[in-house]
Amino acid sequence: MRGKEIRMERIMDRNTGKTIIVPMDHGVTLGPIPGLIDLGKTIDLVADGGANVVIGHMGLALHGHRRHGRDIGLILHLSASTSVGPDPNEKVLVNTVTNALKMGADGVSVHINVGADSEARMLEDLGRVAVDCMEWGVPLLAMMYPRGRKIADEHHVEHVRLAARVAAELGADIVKTVYTGDPDTFREVTKGCPVPVVVAGGSKTDDRAILNLVEGAMEGGAAGISIGRNAFQHPAPDRLIRAAALIVHEGRSADEAMEVLER
């Protein structure tokens, strides 16, 4: 078994082939928002709930990951921008694949805004990181968001399936992108992408809405979910993740998952 395959087993559940990812890279974009004040505590909670992996910048590895409790995989995020920058859609590389290995990461991720003014440079970065990942046997997750002046609706299936396919064509092992709104259109995304696609949780919403999104995405062929604020800002992150895991790993319904949160 090659190094990339070994590391992928810390990201994708070896029994179900699915994954629950909790991105916690928001500290660079938004600062110390609720849920990310105490990184170690939050990571312990989502790990206890059954999350497979967390995503974060180097600060997460240095100040919060694997403090104690249940083990959980780590994807080191390599790109960044802040919400107060001239163009928050312009992501730049702030870390490297080799440094991620030194930090003990199981994989790396990059963020690309397809359609942004700086798309060309971000795609160049994605390709370069993908080549490094092939060299070192490191799984690469590409966060692909349709965002730019030509994009009126970032959830439109034409834009989402393009974004997902671009990532696979340039060497990503896993693609994270937005939900198109229903299983049928999202199936167009997953069928058109030869690598696993996980769906983003999006803006903060209520429990029923996020579990319905998870159920629809899984019906549409998703390989899992990547839920950030709806998980780490939940009053009980462990229970929210546990509920989502019923859908992702056990194929249960959103109604059944809601019962976990209503007990």
Protein backbone atom coordinates (compact mmCIF):
# COMPACT_ATOMS: atom_id res chain seq x y z
CA MET A 1 0.00 0.00 0.00
CA ARG A 2 1.35 3.43 -0.95
CA GLY A 3 1.71 6.37 1.44
CA LYS A 4 -1.21 8.27 -0.07
CA GLU A 5 -3.51 5.25 0.36
CA ILE A 6 -2.44 4.85 3.98
CA ARG A 7 -3.10 8.51 4.71
CA MET A 8 -6.45 8.42 2.91
CA GLU A 9 -7.61 5.85 5.47
CA ARG A 10 -7.34 8.56 8.11
CA ILE A 11 -9.63 10.75 6.03
CA MET A 12 -12.15 8.33 4.47
CA ASP A 13 -13.71 5.67 6.69
CA ARG A 14 -12.29 2.35 5.51
CA ASN A 15 -15.58 0.51 6.10
CA THR A 16 -18.03 2.92 4.48
CA GLY A 17 -15.77 4.80 2.09
CA LYS A 18 -17.40 8.01 3.35
CA THR A 19 -16.18 10.86 5.53
CA ILE A 20 -17.28 13.57 7.95
CA ILE A 21 -14.94 16.55 7.83
CA VAL A 22 -15.07 19.55 10.15
CA PRO A 23 -13.24 22.53 8.63
CA MET A 24 -11.88 24.89 11.29
CA ASP A 25 -9.78 27.18 9.11
CA HIS A 26 -12.03 30.18 9.80
CA GLY A 27 -9.59 31.72 12.29
CA VAL A 28 -7.59 33.24 9.43
CA THR A 29 -10.64 34.42 7.50
CA LEU A 30 -12.80 35.66 10.37
CA GLY A 31 -10.67 35.58 13.52
CA PRO A 32 -11.53 33.98 16.89
CA ILE A 33 -15.24 33.41 16.24
CA PRO A 34 -17.45 31.42 18.65
CA GLY A 35 -16.61 27.74 18.56
CA LEU A 36 -12.96 28.38 17.72
CA ILE A 37 -11.89 30.18 20.88
CA ASP A 38 -10.74 26.91 22.46
CA LEU A 39 -9.66 24.76 19.54
CA GLY A 40 -8.75 21.74 21.64
CA LYS A 41 -12.13 21.59 23.35
CA THR A 42 -14.04 21.85 20.08
CA ILE A 43 -11.90 19.23 18.37
CA ASP A 44 -12.47 16.85 21.27
CA LEU A 45 -16.23 17.32 20.91
CA VAL A 46 -16.42 16.71 17.16
CA ALA A 47 -14.05 13.76 17.50
CA ASP A 48 -16.26 12.26 20.20
CA GLY A 49 -19.23 12.72 17.87
CA GLY A 50 -17.55 10.65 15.18
CA ALA A 51 -15.92 13.15 12.82
CA ASN A 52 -13.22 11.57 10.69
CA VAL A 53 -10.99 14.58 10.19
CA VAL A 54 -10.60 18.30 10.88
CA ILE A 55 -9.16 20.96 8.58
CA GLY A 56 -7.16 23.89 9.85
CA HIS A 57 -4.15 26.10 9.37
CA MET A 58 -0.83 25.56 11.11
CA GLY A 59 -2.20 27.20 14.24
CA LEU A 60 -4.67 24.35 14.68
CA ALA A 61 -1.87 21.79 14.57
CA LEU A 62 0.21 23.85 17.00
CA HIS A 63 -2.51 24.86 19.45
CA GLY A 64 -5.38 22.43 19.38
CA HIS A 65 -5.15 19.19 17.43
CA ARG A 66 -4.95 15.84 19.24
CA ARG A 67 -4.74 17.36 22.69
CA HIS A 68 -6.46 14.40 24.30
CA GLY A 69 -9.51 12.18 23.82
CA ARG A 70 -10.44 10.28 20.67
CA ASP A 71 -8.00 10.49 17.78
CA ILE A 72 -8.99 12.32 14.60
CA GLY A 73 -7.35 12.95 11.24
CA LEU A 74 -5.77 16.28 10.30
CA ILE A 75 -5.81 18.08 6.95
CA LEU A 76 -3.55 21.13 6.91
CA HIS A 77 -5.01 24.02 4.91
CA LEU A 78 -2.44 25.66 2.64
CA SER A 79 -4.28 28.72 1.31
CA ALA A 80 -5.72 31.80 2.96
CA SER A 81 -7.29 35.25 2.76
CA THR A 82 -9.00 37.48 5.32
CA SER A 83 -12.47 38.97 5.25
CA VAL A 84 -11.06 42.51 5.34
CA GLY A 85 -8.63 42.10 2.45
CA PRO A 86 -9.11 43.94 -0.87
CA ASP A 87 -10.52 40.75 -2.43
CA PRO A 88 -11.44 37.97 0.03
CA ASN A 89 -11.96 35.64 -2.95
CA GLU A 90 -8.25 35.80 -3.76
CA LYS A 91 -6.59 32.92 -1.94
CA VAL A 92 -2.81 32.71 -1.65
CA LEU A 93 -0.60 29.82 -0.58
CA VAL A 94 0.69 30.23 2.97
CA ASN A 95 2.15 26.77 3.61
CA THR A 96 3.68 23.80 1.82
CA VAL A 97 3.09 20.08 1.43
CA THR A 98 6.46 19.21 2.94
CA ASN A 99 5.81 21.36 5.98
CA ALA A 100 2.39 19.73 6.38
CA LEU A 101 4.16 16.36 6.60
CA LYS A 102 6.53 17.76 9.22
CA MET A 103 3.46 18.91 11.19
CA GLY A 104 2.03 15.37 11.14
CA ALA A 105 -0.83 16.11 8.75
CA ASP A 106 -2.66 13.29 6.99
CA GLY A 107 -3.50 15.47 4.00
CA VAL A 108 -3.58 19.03 2.72
CA SER A 109 -6.24 21.29 1.27
CA VAL A 110 -6.38 24.35 -0.95
CA HIS A 111 -9.24 26.75 -1.68
CA ILE A 112 -10.03 27.82 -5.26
CA ASN A 113 -12.73 30.30 -6.24
CA VAL A 114 -13.61 29.37 -9.82
CA GLY A 115 -14.62 32.52 -11.67
CA ALA A 116 -12.79 34.96 -9.41
CA ASP A 117 -10.54 37.61 -10.93
CA SER A 118 -7.53 35.74 -9.58
CA GLU A 119 -8.73 32.33 -10.81
CA ALA A 120 -5.72 31.75 -13.10
CA ARG A 121 -3.18 32.14 -10.31
CA MET A 122 -5.21 29.99 -7.90
CA LEU A 123 -5.45 27.22 -10.51
CA GLU A 124 -1.70 27.44 -10.98
CA ASP A 125 -1.30 27.00 -7.23
CA LEU A 126 -3.65 24.00 -7.24
CA GLY A 127 -1.68 22.30 -9.99
CA ARG A 128 1.63 22.90 -8.25
CA VAL A 129 0.34 21.57 -4.92
CA ALA A 130 -1.13 18.51 -6.67
CA VAL A 131 2.27 17.67 -8.17
CA ASP A 132 3.91 18.00 -4.75
CA CYS A 133 1.23 15.74 -3.27
CA MET A 134 1.92 13.10 -5.89
CA GLU A 135 5.65 13.31 -5.10
CA TRP A 136 5.16 12.87 -1.35
CA GLY A 137 2.10 10.61 -1.28
CA VAL A 138 -0.16 13.17 0.41
CA PRO A 139 -3.94 13.30 -0.17
CA LEU A 140 -5.16 16.61 -1.58
CA LEU A 141 -8.60 18.05 -0.88
CA ALA A 142 -9.60 20.94 -3.15
CA MET A 143 -12.26 23.35 -1.91
CA MET A 144 -13.93 24.47 -5.15
CA TYR A 145 -16.39 27.36 -4.99
CA PRO A 146 -17.99 29.02 -8.04
CA ARG A 147 -17.54 32.71 -7.20
CA GLY A 148 -16.98 35.63 -9.52
CA ARG A 149 -18.44 38.36 -11.66
CA LYS A 150 -19.87 35.92 -14.22
CA ILE A 151 -21.56 33.76 -11.59
CA ALA A 152 -25.02 34.89 -10.49
CA ASP A 153 -25.81 31.70 -8.55
CA GLU A 154 -22.91 29.76 -7.05
CA HIS A 155 -25.21 26.78 -6.41
CA HIS A 156 -26.23 26.37 -10.07
CA VAL A 157 -25.38 22.87 -11.24
CA GLU A 158 -23.51 24.05 -14.34
CA HIS A 159 -21.07 26.04 -12.23
CA VAL A 160 -20.75 23.44 -9.47
CA ARG A 161 -20.04 20.52 -11.76
CA LEU A 162 -17.44 22.59 -13.63
CA ALA A 163 -15.71 23.52 -10.38
CA ALA A 164 -15.65 19.91 -9.19
CA ARG A 165 -14.35 18.56 -12.47
CA VAL A 166 -11.58 21.16 -12.64
CA ALA A 167 -10.24 19.94 -9.29
CA ALA A 168 -10.19 16.31 -10.41
CA GLU A 169 -8.54 17.21 -13.73
CA LEU A 170 -5.76 19.07 -11.92
CA GLY A 171 -4.99 16.25 -9.49
CA ALA A 172 -7.20 16.57 -6.39
CA ASP A 173 -8.03 13.36 -4.53
CA ILE A 174 -11.17 14.76 -2.86
CA VAL A 175 -13.34 17.70 -3.89
CA LYS A 176 -15.34 19.88 -1.54
CA THR A 177 -18.02 22.02 -3.13
CA VAL A 178 -21.46 23.52 -2.53
CA TYR A 179 -24.77 21.71 -2.68
CA THR A 180 -26.91 22.35 -5.73
CA GLY A 181 -30.18 22.17 -3.79
CA ASP A 182 -31.52 18.71 -4.64
CA PRO A 183 -30.20 15.16 -5.11
CA ASP A 184 -30.86 14.98 -8.85
CA THR A 185 -28.79 18.00 -9.80
CA PHE A 186 -26.07 17.12 -7.29
CA ARG A 187 -25.85 13.69 -8.91
CA GLU A 188 -24.77 15.49 -12.09
CA VAL A 189 -21.86 16.88 -10.08
CA THR A 190 -20.78 13.57 -8.58
CA LYS A 191 -21.21 11.62 -11.83
CA GLY A 192 -19.09 14.15 -13.66
CA CYS A 193 -16.26 14.02 -11.14
CA PRO A 194 -14.01 10.93 -11.01
CA VAL A 195 -12.91 11.52 -7.40
CA PRO A 196 -14.99 11.64 -4.19
CA VAL A 197 -17.08 14.78 -3.70
CA VAL A 198 -18.00 16.09 -0.25
CA VAL A 199 -20.59 18.78 0.25
CA ALA A 200 -19.99 22.01 2.17
CA GLY A 201 -22.28 22.85 5.06
CA GLY A 202 -22.55 26.51 4.11
CA SER A 203 -23.80 29.37 6.26
CA LYS A 204 -25.11 28.83 9.77
CA THR A 205 -28.61 27.36 9.71
CA ASP A 206 -30.92 25.21 11.84
CA ASP A 207 -30.55 21.51 12.60
CA ARG A 208 -33.33 20.33 10.30
CA ALA A 209 -31.95 22.30 7.34
CA ILE A 210 -28.40 21.00 7.73
CA LEU A 211 -29.52 17.37 8.15
CA ASN A 212 -31.79 17.68 5.11
CA LEU A 213 -28.80 18.99 3.17
CA VAL A 214 -26.70 16.02 4.31
CA GLU A 215 -29.42 13.55 3.35
CA GLY A 216 -29.91 15.13 -0.08
CA ALA A 217 -26.21 15.26 -0.81
CA MET A 218 -25.72 11.61 0.12
CA GLU A 219 -28.66 10.65 -2.09
CA GLY A 220 -26.95 12.59 -4.86
CA GLY A 221 -23.79 10.52 -4.61
CA ALA A 222 -21.70 12.55 -2.16
CA ALA A 223 -18.82 10.79 -0.43
CA GLY A 224 -19.47 12.73 2.75
CA ILE A 225 -19.82 16.18 4.23
CA SER A 226 -17.61 19.07 5.28
CA ILE A 227 -19.50 21.02 7.93
CA GLY A 228 -17.85 23.92 9.72
CA ARG A 229 -19.90 26.56 11.51
CA ASN A 230 -23.00 24.35 11.69
CA ALA A 231 -20.87 21.90 13.67
CA PHE A 232 -18.36 23.85 15.76
CA GLN A 233 -20.87 26.62 16.60
CA HIS A 234 -23.61 24.15 17.53
CA PRO A 235 -24.62 24.08 21.22
CA ALA A 236 -23.66 20.39 21.22
CA PRO A 237 -21.15 19.75 18.41
CA ASP A 238 -20.73 16.10 19.38
CA ARG A 239 -24.46 15.41 19.04
CA LEU A 240 -24.74 17.25 15.72
CA ILE A 241 -21.87 15.21 14.28
CA ARG A 242 -23.32 12.02 15.73
CA ALA A 243 -26.64 12.77 14.04
CA ALA A 244 -24.95 13.51 10.71
CA ALA A 245 -22.94 10.28 11.00
CA LEU A 246 -26.17 8.28 11.00
CA ILE A 247 -26.89 9.63 7.54
CA VAL A 248 -23.35 9.55 6.14
CA HIS A 249 -22.08 6.24 7.50
CA GLU A 250 -25.28 4.31 8.14
CA GLY A 251 -27.57 5.52 5.38
CA ARG A 252 -30.27 6.66 7.77
CA SER A 253 -32.77 9.45 7.11
CA ALA A 254 -32.74 13.05 8.30
CA ASP A 255 -35.84 12.25 10.37
CA GLU A 256 -33.98 9.48 12.19
CA ALA A 257 -30.96 11.72 12.65
CA MET A 258 -33.13 14.45 14.18
CA GLU A 259 -34.11 12.05 16.93
CA VAL A 260 -30.51 12.14 18.18
CA LEU A 261 -30.74 15.90 18.62
CA GLU A 262 -34.20 15.86 20.19
CA ARG A 263 -33.45 13.38 22.96
